[in-house]
Amino acid sequence: MSTRPRSLSGIKPSGQPHWGNYFGAIEPALKMTSEFEAFYFIADYHALTTVRDAELMREDSYLVAATWLACGLDPTETVLWRQSDVPEVCELSWLLSCVTGFGLIERAHAVKDARANQREINFGIVSYPVLMAADILLYDSDVVPVGRDQLQHIEMARDMVSHFNQQFVGGNCLDEEGNWNGVGLKRPEGRVRDSTAIVPGVDGGKMSKSYDNVIPIFGSKKAIKKRVMSIVTDSTPLEEPKDPETCNVFQLYKLFSTAEEQAELAERYRAGGFGYGHAKLELLEKSSAYFAQKQERFDALMADRDTLEDILRDGARRAREVAQGVLARAREATGLPSRPHR
């Protein structure tokens, strides 16, 4: 294994990834691979809290894998696997649940949000933070890149580490210099993703599947054009000048263009005689060119499920090499009998 610090990212399979996913998560996460030994898992266990369609689960897992690979993830330099292909995560989740107070769980965003919106609260939602902590701790993760709204889960994982280590190894997990000494579970650090990209949806709000306002990264040209042409704009007539900085189309155009290209398009906005329909076509052309090679790679991967399976299974094998060692350490700490690696 690499001597670099290890980062871990989980990707929930929940439909076709969109521009917000790409600029907000995929691109900044892939940039971290030069600094970290990067582990990526497809969080299909987590998706089971809401998904009830087996074929949809399989398809969405392939979509996630193909998207990340097409966007530049190198499976020889990183580790990519399905969460459910490493069963050790469920055992560690149980060990953590035995040292986690229910008061901590009740403060979790997932539980509070479900209550506020009067959604069903199944036990998967209740135990979601514990499984997420197990995901992180099972691989001795040093850093977990997350959005700011996910920092709570990292803090909860850190709390669980403290409780586990204190109760089972007496808290003696640091050397004289304050570094982890390899005993008990390793405490991770959260890192807010280094992304300044603001990605508005077609309605001007934050791009999110929850709001049905997304533009997919990959798909048919017709479907993507339909979404781009549906971007909400104001009613300023074609012949009048327009302010590019208040236009959703221009904000999206910035994601794909250079400063010079942005200045040129802004001038056309302010000159008048340039309609929002023209701006949308400029955006469509620029985004299509940006994703063209990635689209070809994505299409090839989705047409070759055997290759995707090979990549995911090899990733699971490599992930389990780490997971089994960590779980053995946790079992020893708790007094459970050791056992041969499966």
Protein backbone atom coordinates (compact mmCIF):
# COMPACT_ATOMS: atom_id res chain seq x y z
CA MET A 1 0.00 0.00 0.00
CA SER A 2 1.02 3.62 -0.51
CA THR A 3 2.86 5.61 2.16
CA ARG A 4 0.67 8.63 1.40
CA PRO A 5 -2.17 9.51 3.80
CA ARG A 6 -5.43 7.81 2.84
CA SER A 7 -8.60 9.63 1.79
CA LEU A 8 -12.01 7.98 1.62
CA SER A 9 -15.08 9.07 -0.35
CA GLY A 10 -18.51 7.46 -0.54
CA ILE A 11 -20.79 7.94 -3.53
CA LYS A 12 -24.47 7.11 -3.13
CA PRO A 13 -26.02 5.48 -6.22
CA SER A 14 -29.07 7.67 -6.76
CA GLY A 15 -29.59 8.19 -10.45
CA GLN A 16 -27.62 9.81 -13.24
CA PRO A 17 -24.87 12.13 -11.91
CA HIS A 18 -25.30 15.76 -12.97
CA TRP A 19 -23.25 18.92 -13.47
CA GLY A 20 -23.54 19.81 -9.78
CA ASN A 21 -22.06 16.42 -8.84
CA TYR A 22 -19.22 16.88 -11.31
CA PHE A 23 -18.07 20.38 -10.31
CA GLY A 24 -19.01 20.07 -6.64
CA ALA A 25 -17.68 16.58 -5.87
CA ILE A 26 -16.14 14.56 -8.70
CA GLU A 27 -13.65 17.10 -10.04
CA PRO A 28 -12.32 18.26 -6.63
CA ALA A 29 -12.15 14.66 -5.35
CA LEU A 30 -10.12 13.50 -8.33
CA LYS A 31 -7.68 16.37 -7.82
CA MET A 32 -6.87 14.93 -4.39
CA THR A 33 -5.47 11.70 -5.84
CA SER A 34 -2.03 13.28 -6.26
CA GLU A 35 -1.90 14.03 -2.53
CA PHE A 36 -3.66 10.98 -1.06
CA GLU A 37 -4.04 7.25 -1.48
CA ALA A 38 -7.66 7.52 -2.60
CA PHE A 39 -10.38 5.01 -1.70
CA TYR A 40 -13.85 5.38 -3.30
CA PHE A 41 -16.85 3.21 -2.53
CA ILE A 42 -20.33 3.06 -4.04
CA ALA A 43 -22.66 3.30 -1.04
CA ASP A 44 -25.30 0.77 -2.05
CA TYR A 45 -26.05 -0.29 1.56
CA HIS A 46 -26.87 3.34 2.34
CA ALA A 47 -29.11 3.58 -0.72
CA LEU A 48 -31.25 0.72 0.64
CA THR A 49 -32.84 3.11 3.13
CA THR A 50 -34.97 4.37 0.24
CA VAL A 51 -34.43 2.26 -2.90
CA ARG A 52 -36.85 -0.64 -3.33
CA ASP A 53 -36.08 -1.61 -6.93
CA ALA A 54 -33.32 -4.22 -7.35
CA GLU A 55 -32.72 -3.51 -11.03
CA LEU A 56 -32.54 0.23 -10.35
CA MET A 57 -29.98 -0.39 -7.60
CA ARG A 58 -27.78 -2.42 -9.94
CA GLU A 59 -28.10 0.11 -12.77
CA ASP A 60 -27.40 3.14 -10.59
CA SER A 61 -24.31 1.44 -9.13
CA TYR A 62 -22.98 0.90 -12.64
CA LEU A 63 -23.84 4.51 -13.54
CA VAL A 64 -21.78 5.80 -10.64
CA ALA A 65 -18.81 3.57 -11.43
CA ALA A 66 -18.86 4.41 -15.15
CA THR A 67 -19.23 8.14 -14.47
CA TRP A 68 -16.26 8.37 -12.12
CA LEU A 69 -14.10 6.22 -14.38
CA ALA A 70 -15.09 8.24 -17.44
CA CYS A 71 -14.30 11.48 -15.61
CA GLY A 72 -10.75 10.39 -14.89
CA LEU A 73 -10.62 7.99 -11.94
CA ASP A 74 -7.75 5.56 -12.53
CA PRO A 75 -8.58 2.18 -10.94
CA THR A 76 -4.92 1.19 -10.92
CA GLU A 77 -3.96 4.22 -8.83
CA THR A 78 -7.09 4.35 -6.64
CA VAL A 79 -9.45 1.79 -5.10
CA LEU A 80 -13.07 1.67 -6.29
CA TRP A 81 -15.58 -0.87 -4.97
CA ARG A 82 -19.20 -1.49 -3.99
CA GLN A 83 -19.81 -1.06 -0.28
CA SER A 84 -21.75 -4.34 -0.13
CA ASP A 85 -18.78 -6.28 -1.53
CA VAL A 86 -16.89 -5.73 1.74
CA PRO A 87 -19.09 -7.42 4.40
CA GLU A 88 -16.70 -6.46 7.21
CA VAL A 89 -18.35 -3.04 7.25
CA CYS A 90 -21.52 -4.53 8.77
CA GLU A 91 -19.61 -6.19 11.61
CA LEU A 92 -17.71 -3.04 12.48
CA SER A 93 -20.99 -1.13 12.35
CA TRP A 94 -22.36 -3.45 15.06
CA LEU A 95 -19.28 -3.00 17.24
CA LEU A 96 -19.62 0.78 16.97
CA SER A 97 -23.36 0.68 17.68
CA CYS A 98 -22.57 -0.93 21.05
CA VAL A 99 -20.62 2.15 22.19
CA THR A 100 -22.83 4.83 20.59
CA GLY A 101 -25.47 6.58 22.67
CA PHE A 102 -28.91 7.03 21.15
CA GLY A 103 -28.80 10.73 21.99
CA LEU A 104 -26.00 11.16 19.48
CA ILE A 105 -28.02 9.36 16.80
CA GLU A 106 -31.10 11.49 17.42
CA ARG A 107 -29.08 14.59 16.59
CA ALA A 108 -28.16 13.25 13.15
CA HIS A 109 -29.36 15.31 10.18
CA ALA A 110 -30.89 12.28 8.47
CA VAL A 111 -33.17 11.48 11.40
CA LYS A 112 -34.13 15.11 12.08
CA ASP A 113 -34.82 15.75 8.39
CA ALA A 114 -37.02 12.66 8.09
CA ARG A 115 -39.02 13.74 11.13
CA ALA A 116 -39.38 17.32 9.91
CA ASN A 117 -40.69 16.13 6.54
CA GLN A 118 -42.86 13.39 8.08
CA ARG A 119 -41.11 10.64 6.12
CA GLU A 120 -40.86 7.05 7.22
CA ILE A 121 -38.00 6.53 9.67
CA ASN A 122 -36.80 2.97 9.15
CA PHE A 123 -33.97 1.62 11.24
CA GLY A 124 -31.60 2.05 8.31
CA ILE A 125 -32.06 5.82 8.59
CA VAL A 126 -31.57 5.67 12.35
CA SER A 127 -28.37 3.63 12.06
CA TYR A 128 -27.11 5.52 8.99
CA PRO A 129 -24.46 7.51 10.92
CA VAL A 130 -23.06 4.34 12.52
CA LEU A 131 -22.71 2.58 9.17
CA MET A 132 -21.12 5.71 7.74
CA ALA A 133 -18.64 5.77 10.62
CA ALA A 134 -17.84 2.10 9.94
CA ASP A 135 -17.24 2.96 6.27
CA ILE A 136 -14.65 5.52 7.33
CA LEU A 137 -12.96 3.68 10.18
CA LEU A 138 -12.72 0.30 8.44
CA TYR A 139 -9.98 1.62 6.15
CA ASP A 140 -7.87 3.60 8.66
CA SER A 141 -8.86 6.73 6.75
CA ASP A 142 -6.82 9.86 7.44
CA VAL A 143 -9.00 12.33 5.57
CA VAL A 144 -12.63 12.31 4.44
CA PRO A 145 -13.48 15.03 1.89
CA VAL A 146 -17.09 16.13 2.32
CA GLY A 147 -19.45 18.99 1.65
CA ARG A 148 -19.92 21.35 4.57
CA ASP A 149 -23.35 19.85 5.25
CA GLN A 150 -21.74 16.43 5.82
CA LEU A 151 -19.19 17.49 8.43
CA GLN A 152 -21.53 16.31 11.18
CA HIS A 153 -21.01 12.70 10.08
CA ILE A 154 -17.25 13.03 10.43
CA GLU A 155 -17.62 14.49 13.91
CA MET A 156 -19.92 11.62 14.86
CA ALA A 157 -17.37 9.11 13.57
CA ARG A 158 -14.69 10.82 15.65
CA ASP A 159 -16.96 10.60 18.72
CA MET A 160 -17.44 6.88 18.10
CA VAL A 161 -13.67 6.39 17.85
CA SER A 162 -13.27 8.10 21.23
CA HIS A 163 -15.95 5.96 22.85
CA PHE A 164 -14.61 2.72 21.34
CA ASN A 165 -10.98 3.39 22.22
CA GLN A 166 -11.77 4.59 25.72
CA GLN A 167 -13.97 1.61 26.56
CA PHE A 168 -11.95 -1.15 24.93
CA VAL A 169 -8.30 -0.02 24.94
CA GLY A 170 -8.34 2.50 27.77
CA GLY A 171 -7.76 5.40 25.41
CA ASN A 172 -4.09 4.47 25.04
CA CYS A 173 -3.98 5.11 21.30
CA LEU A 174 -1.44 7.92 20.98
CA ASP A 175 2.34 7.89 21.16
CA GLU A 176 4.46 10.44 23.01
CA GLU A 177 4.21 12.85 20.06
CA GLY A 178 0.41 12.65 19.96
CA ASN A 179 0.23 10.47 16.86
CA TRP A 180 -1.97 7.37 16.58
CA ASN A 181 0.04 4.31 17.68
CA GLY A 182 -1.85 1.62 15.77
CA VAL A 183 -3.98 0.51 18.73
CA GLY A 184 -7.78 0.60 18.57
CA LEU A 185 -9.43 2.67 15.84
CA LYS A 186 -7.85 5.56 13.95
CA ARG A 187 -9.42 9.02 14.26
CA PRO A 188 -10.14 10.60 10.85
CA GLU A 189 -10.16 14.25 9.86
CA GLY A 190 -12.87 15.89 7.79
CA ARG A 191 -11.91 18.14 4.91
CA VAL A 192 -14.44 20.42 3.25
CA ARG A 193 -14.11 19.92 -0.48
CA ASP A 194 -11.99 22.58 -2.11
CA SER A 195 -14.59 23.71 -4.60
CA THR A 196 -15.74 27.25 -5.23
CA ALA A 197 -18.05 26.19 -8.03
CA ILE A 198 -21.61 27.41 -7.63
CA VAL A 199 -23.81 25.24 -9.81
CA PRO A 200 -27.35 26.55 -10.27
CA GLY A 201 -30.05 24.22 -11.51
CA VAL A 202 -32.35 24.98 -14.41
CA ASP A 203 -34.66 26.85 -12.00
CA GLY A 204 -31.85 28.99 -10.56
CA GLY A 205 -31.74 27.14 -7.24
CA LYS A 206 -28.94 24.81 -6.17
CA MET A 207 -28.69 21.93 -8.66
CA SER A 208 -30.03 18.83 -6.89
CA LYS A 209 -31.94 15.68 -7.82
CA SER A 210 -34.24 16.49 -4.90
CA TYR A 211 -35.43 19.59 -6.76
CA ASP A 212 -35.62 17.93 -10.19
CA ASN A 213 -33.60 20.81 -11.65
CA VAL A 214 -30.49 18.98 -12.84
CA ILE A 215 -28.60 18.72 -16.11
CA PRO A 216 -27.02 15.26 -16.47
CA ILE A 217 -23.34 14.89 -17.26
CA PHE A 218 -24.02 12.10 -19.74
CA GLY A 219 -26.99 11.10 -21.88
CA SER A 220 -28.53 11.68 -25.27
CA LYS A 221 -27.84 15.00 -26.98
CA LYS A 222 -31.57 15.55 -27.32
CA ALA A 223 -32.25 15.04 -23.61
CA ILE A 224 -29.39 17.28 -22.50
CA LYS A 225 -30.39 20.01 -24.97
CA LYS A 226 -33.93 19.90 -23.64
CA ARG A 227 -32.68 20.50 -20.10
CA VAL A 228 -30.33 23.31 -21.13
CA MET A 229 -33.05 25.07 -23.13
CA SER A 230 -35.36 24.89 -20.10
CA ILE A 231 -33.07 27.04 -17.93
CA VAL A 232 -35.15 29.82 -16.38
CA THR A 233 -34.36 33.40 -17.49
CA ASP A 234 -36.09 36.75 -17.14
CA SER A 235 -38.35 38.36 -19.75
CA THR A 236 -35.94 40.97 -21.15
CA PRO A 237 -36.60 41.28 -24.91
CA LEU A 238 -33.97 40.07 -27.35
CA GLU A 239 -33.01 43.54 -28.56
CA GLU A 240 -32.34 45.01 -25.11
CA PRO A 241 -29.03 44.79 -23.18
CA LYS A 242 -28.85 42.15 -20.46
CA ASP A 243 -26.82 41.69 -17.30
CA PRO A 244 -24.80 38.46 -17.56
CA GLU A 245 -24.09 38.33 -13.83
CA THR A 246 -27.78 37.88 -12.99
CA CYS A 247 -28.33 35.21 -15.64
CA ASN A 248 -28.38 31.50 -14.73
CA VAL A 249 -27.17 30.57 -18.21
CA PHE A 250 -24.07 32.74 -17.87
CA GLN A 251 -23.28 31.35 -14.41
CA LEU A 252 -23.27 27.83 -15.87
CA TYR A 253 -21.25 28.98 -18.89
CA LYS A 254 -18.50 30.09 -16.49
CA LEU A 255 -17.95 26.48 -15.44
CA PHE A 256 -16.86 25.46 -18.93
CA SER A 257 -15.08 28.53 -20.28
CA THR A 258 -11.94 30.62 -19.95
CA ALA A 259 -11.90 34.18 -18.61
CA GLU A 260 -11.49 35.48 -22.16
CA GLU A 261 -14.50 33.51 -23.41
CA GLN A 262 -16.57 34.77 -20.50
CA ALA A 263 -15.61 38.39 -21.21
CA GLU A 264 -16.55 37.98 -24.87
CA LEU A 265 -19.96 36.48 -24.08
CA ALA A 266 -20.62 39.12 -21.39
CA GLU A 267 -20.01 41.83 -23.98
CA ARG A 268 -22.60 40.28 -26.29
CA TYR A 269 -25.10 40.24 -23.42
CA ARG A 270 -24.59 43.94 -22.72
CA ALA A 271 -24.65 44.98 -26.39
CA GLY A 272 -28.26 43.94 -26.95
CA GLY A 273 -29.60 41.98 -29.89
CA PHE A 274 -28.53 38.79 -28.14
CA GLY A 275 -31.24 36.57 -26.73
CA TYR A 276 -31.23 34.05 -23.92
CA GLY A 277 -31.87 31.33 -26.49
CA HIS A 278 -28.57 32.25 -28.14
CA ALA A 279 -26.83 32.09 -24.75
CA LYS A 280 -28.27 28.65 -24.07
CA LEU A 281 -26.94 27.38 -27.40
CA GLU A 282 -23.50 28.78 -26.53
CA LEU A 283 -23.66 26.93 -23.21
CA LEU A 284 -24.78 23.72 -24.90
CA GLU A 285 -21.91 23.86 -27.41
CA LYS A 286 -19.31 24.59 -24.73
CA SER A 287 -20.53 21.91 -22.31
CA SER A 288 -20.85 19.30 -25.06
CA ALA A 289 -17.24 19.88 -26.10
CA TYR A 290 -16.10 19.77 -22.47
CA PHE A 291 -17.68 16.36 -21.82
CA ALA A 292 -17.26 14.85 -25.31
CA GLN A 293 -14.35 12.50 -24.61
CA LYS A 294 -15.78 11.61 -21.22
CA GLN A 295 -19.11 10.78 -22.87
CA GLU A 296 -17.38 8.36 -25.24
CA ARG A 297 -15.63 6.64 -22.34
CA PHE A 298 -18.86 6.50 -20.35
CA ASP A 299 -20.80 4.95 -23.23
CA ALA A 300 -18.08 2.32 -23.74
CA LEU A 301 -18.08 1.38 -20.07
CA MET A 302 -21.86 1.15 -19.80
CA ALA A 303 -21.82 -1.17 -22.82
CA ASP A 304 -19.20 -3.41 -21.19
CA ARG A 305 -20.51 -4.52 -17.80
CA ASP A 306 -17.87 -7.25 -17.55
CA THR A 307 -15.14 -4.61 -17.42
CA LEU A 308 -17.03 -2.64 -14.79
CA GLU A 309 -17.47 -5.79 -12.71
CA ASP A 310 -13.78 -6.64 -13.01
CA ILE A 311 -12.82 -3.17 -11.79
CA LEU A 312 -15.28 -3.25 -8.88
CA ARG A 313 -14.31 -6.76 -7.79
CA ASP A 314 -10.61 -5.97 -7.92
CA GLY A 315 -11.30 -2.82 -5.88
CA ALA A 316 -13.24 -4.87 -3.32
CA ARG A 317 -10.37 -7.34 -3.03
CA ARG A 318 -7.89 -4.55 -2.34
CA ALA A 319 -10.27 -2.79 0.07
CA ARG A 320 -10.84 -6.03 2.00
CA GLU A 321 -7.12 -6.46 2.52
CA VAL A 322 -7.23 -3.29 4.61
CA ALA A 323 -10.67 -3.92 6.13
CA GLN A 324 -9.83 -7.37 7.45
CA GLY A 325 -6.79 -6.09 9.28
CA VAL A 326 -8.72 -3.26 10.93
CA LEU A 327 -11.59 -5.55 11.89
CA ALA A 328 -9.17 -8.10 13.37
CA ARG A 329 -7.73 -5.30 15.51
CA ALA A 330 -11.22 -4.27 16.64
CA ARG A 331 -12.22 -7.86 17.44
CA GLU A 332 -9.10 -8.32 19.52
CA ALA A 333 -9.80 -5.11 21.42
CA THR A 334 -13.36 -6.20 22.24
CA GLY A 335 -12.40 -9.73 23.23
CA LEU A 336 -14.11 -11.44 20.31
CA PRO A 337 -12.28 -14.53 19.03
CA SER A 338 -9.89 -14.09 16.15
CA ARG A 339 -10.63 -15.96 12.94
CA PRO A 340 -8.93 -16.66 9.63
CA HIS A 341 -9.47 -14.08 6.90
CA ARG A 342 -12.14 -15.18 4.46
